[in-house]
Amino acid sequence: MVTTTATNFRRNLFGMLEQTIAYNEPITVSSKNGNVVVLSEEEYDNMMETLYLTSIPGMEQSIIEGKNTPVEDCIPVSEILS
């Protein structure tokens, strides 16, 4: 994560925003009143999706179980849809 001051962020605004968009690397901007984190829209959307999915009861455990399921035990999507 890149950390910068508000003054430096203002001076290099366009370049820092482009870097955040290109690399999905958050920027922490510090000021005398506190800090703020700048995220790309893609990174923000990913975080919101993760929060949503983990808020569904049992979903987090289901994802973990699916991740740990051997490929040979998986059912092809074509079989599910037919």
C-alpha atoms as a PDB file:
ATOM      1  CA  MET A   1       0.000   0.000   0.000  1.00  0.00           C
ATOM      2  CA  VAL A   2       1.306   3.422  -0.949  1.00  0.00           C
ATOM      3  CA  THR A   3       1.312   6.022   1.827  1.00  0.00           C
ATOM      4  CA  THR A   4       1.531   9.721   1.120  1.00  0.00           C
ATOM      5  CA  THR A   5       0.651  13.100   2.572  1.00  0.00           C
ATOM      6  CA  ALA A   6      -2.347  15.129   1.468  1.00  0.00           C
ATOM      7  CA  THR A   7       0.011  17.720  -0.034  1.00  0.00           C
ATOM      8  CA  ASN A   8       1.918  15.133  -2.053  1.00  0.00           C
ATOM      9  CA  PHE A   9      -1.319  13.438  -3.121  1.00  0.00           C
ATOM     10  CA  ARG A  10      -2.729  16.755  -4.357  1.00  0.00           C
ATOM     11  CA  ARG A  11       0.510  17.489  -6.235  1.00  0.00           C
ATOM     12  CA  ASN A  12       0.523  14.059  -7.930  1.00  0.00           C
ATOM     13  CA  LEU A  13      -3.211  13.392  -8.037  1.00  0.00           C
ATOM     14  CA  PHE A  14      -3.607  12.192 -11.614  1.00  0.00           C
ATOM     15  CA  GLY A  15      -0.551   9.919 -11.594  1.00  0.00           C
ATOM     16  CA  MET A  16      -1.441   8.376  -8.241  1.00  0.00           C
ATOM     17  CA  LEU A  17      -5.035   7.733  -9.317  1.00  0.00           C
ATOM     18  CA  GLU A  18      -3.853   6.130 -12.551  1.00  0.00           C
ATOM     19  CA  GLN A  19      -1.454   3.908 -10.580  1.00  0.00           C
ATOM     20  CA  THR A  20      -4.264   2.842  -8.245  1.00  0.00           C
ATOM     21  CA  ILE A  21      -6.521   2.002 -11.184  1.00  0.00           C
ATOM     22  CA  ALA A  22      -3.815   0.106 -13.082  1.00  0.00           C
ATOM     23  CA  TYR A  23      -2.461  -1.945 -10.176  1.00  0.00           C
ATOM     24  CA  ASN A  24      -5.388  -2.009  -7.692  1.00  0.00           C
ATOM     25  CA  GLU A  25      -2.960  -0.743  -5.074  1.00  0.00           C
ATOM     26  CA  PRO A  26      -4.668   1.337  -2.360  1.00  0.00           C
ATOM     27  CA  ILE A  27      -3.240   4.689  -1.331  1.00  0.00           C
ATOM     28  CA  THR A  28      -3.282   5.889   2.264  1.00  0.00           C
ATOM     29  CA  VAL A  29      -3.391   9.679   2.356  1.00  0.00           C
ATOM     30  CA  SER A  30      -2.475  11.174   5.721  1.00  0.00           C
ATOM     31  CA  SER A  31      -3.391  14.612   6.952  1.00  0.00           C
ATOM     32  CA  LYS A  32      -3.264  16.360  10.300  1.00  0.00           C
ATOM     33  CA  ASN A  33      -6.917  15.400  10.908  1.00  0.00           C
ATOM     34  CA  GLY A  34      -6.556  11.697  10.075  1.00  0.00           C
ATOM     35  CA  ASN A  35      -6.114   9.324   7.173  1.00  0.00           C
ATOM     36  CA  VAL A  36      -8.135   8.274   4.146  1.00  0.00           C
ATOM     37  CA  VAL A  37      -7.700   5.280   1.861  1.00  0.00           C
ATOM     38  CA  VAL A  38      -8.178   5.621  -1.901  1.00  0.00           C
ATOM     39  CA  LEU A  39      -9.221   2.431  -3.726  1.00  0.00           C
ATOM     40  CA  SER A  40      -9.842   1.617  -7.351  1.00  0.00           C
ATOM     41  CA  GLU A  41     -13.492   1.019  -8.207  1.00  0.00           C
ATOM     42  CA  GLU A  42     -12.628  -2.602  -9.030  1.00  0.00           C
ATOM     43  CA  GLU A  43     -11.070  -3.137  -5.598  1.00  0.00           C
ATOM     44  CA  TYR A  44     -14.046  -1.476  -3.890  1.00  0.00           C
ATOM     45  CA  ASP A  45     -16.525  -3.628  -5.828  1.00  0.00           C
ATOM     46  CA  ASN A  46     -14.560  -6.758  -4.889  1.00  0.00           C
ATOM     47  CA  MET A  47     -14.653  -5.810  -1.215  1.00  0.00           C
ATOM     48  CA  MET A  48     -18.393  -5.142  -1.326  1.00  0.00           C
ATOM     49  CA  GLU A  49     -19.013  -8.498  -3.038  1.00  0.00           C
ATOM     50  CA  THR A  50     -16.932 -10.290  -0.410  1.00  0.00           C
ATOM     51  CA  LEU A  51     -18.829  -8.576   2.404  1.00  0.00           C
ATOM     52  CA  TYR A  52     -22.137  -9.492   0.786  1.00  0.00           C
ATOM     53  CA  LEU A  53     -21.200 -13.143   0.254  1.00  0.00           C
ATOM     54  CA  THR A  54     -19.861 -13.573   3.787  1.00  0.00           C
ATOM     55  CA  SER A  55     -23.063 -12.032   5.195  1.00  0.00           C
ATOM     56  CA  ILE A  56     -25.174 -14.907   3.787  1.00  0.00           C
ATOM     57  CA  PRO A  57     -25.517 -17.571   6.501  1.00  0.00           C
ATOM     58  CA  GLY A  58     -23.461 -20.648   5.608  1.00  0.00           C
ATOM     59  CA  MET A  59     -21.983 -19.118   2.441  1.00  0.00           C
ATOM     60  CA  GLU A  60     -18.474 -18.660   3.821  1.00  0.00           C
ATOM     61  CA  GLN A  61     -18.323 -22.314   4.912  1.00  0.00           C
ATOM     62  CA  SER A  62     -19.732 -23.414   1.541  1.00  0.00           C
ATOM     63  CA  ILE A  63     -17.028 -21.471  -0.310  1.00  0.00           C
ATOM     64  CA  ILE A  64     -14.313 -22.979   1.882  1.00  0.00           C
ATOM     65  CA  GLU A  65     -15.698 -26.500   1.335  1.00  0.00           C
ATOM     66  CA  GLY A  66     -15.868 -25.897  -2.428  1.00  0.00           C
ATOM     67  CA  LYS A  67     -12.295 -24.656  -2.465  1.00  0.00           C
ATOM     68  CA  ASN A  68     -11.168 -27.803  -0.672  1.00  0.00           C
ATOM     69  CA  THR A  69     -13.121 -30.196  -2.927  1.00  0.00           C
ATOM     70  CA  PRO A  70     -10.863 -32.221  -5.253  1.00  0.00           C
ATOM     71  CA  VAL A  71     -11.520 -31.486  -8.944  1.00  0.00           C
ATOM     72  CA  GLU A  72     -12.412 -35.119  -9.629  1.00  0.00           C
ATOM     73  CA  ASP A  73     -15.282 -34.834  -7.107  1.00  0.00           C
ATOM     74  CA  CYS A  74     -16.789 -31.769  -8.826  1.00  0.00           C
ATOM     75  CA  ILE A  75     -19.874 -31.979 -11.034  1.00  0.00           C
ATOM     76  CA  PRO A  76     -19.510 -30.330 -14.483  1.00  0.00           C
ATOM     77  CA  VAL A  77     -21.791 -27.325 -14.964  1.00  0.00           C
ATOM     78  CA  SER A  78     -23.248 -28.950 -18.116  1.00  0.00           C
ATOM     79  CA  GLU A  79     -24.648 -31.772 -15.941  1.00  0.00           C
ATOM     80  CA  ILE A  80     -26.206 -29.332 -13.496  1.00  0.00           C
ATOM     81  CA  LEU A  81     -27.904 -27.279 -16.227  1.00  0.00           C
ATOM     82  CA  SER A  82     -29.350 -30.235 -18.136  1.00  0.00           C
END
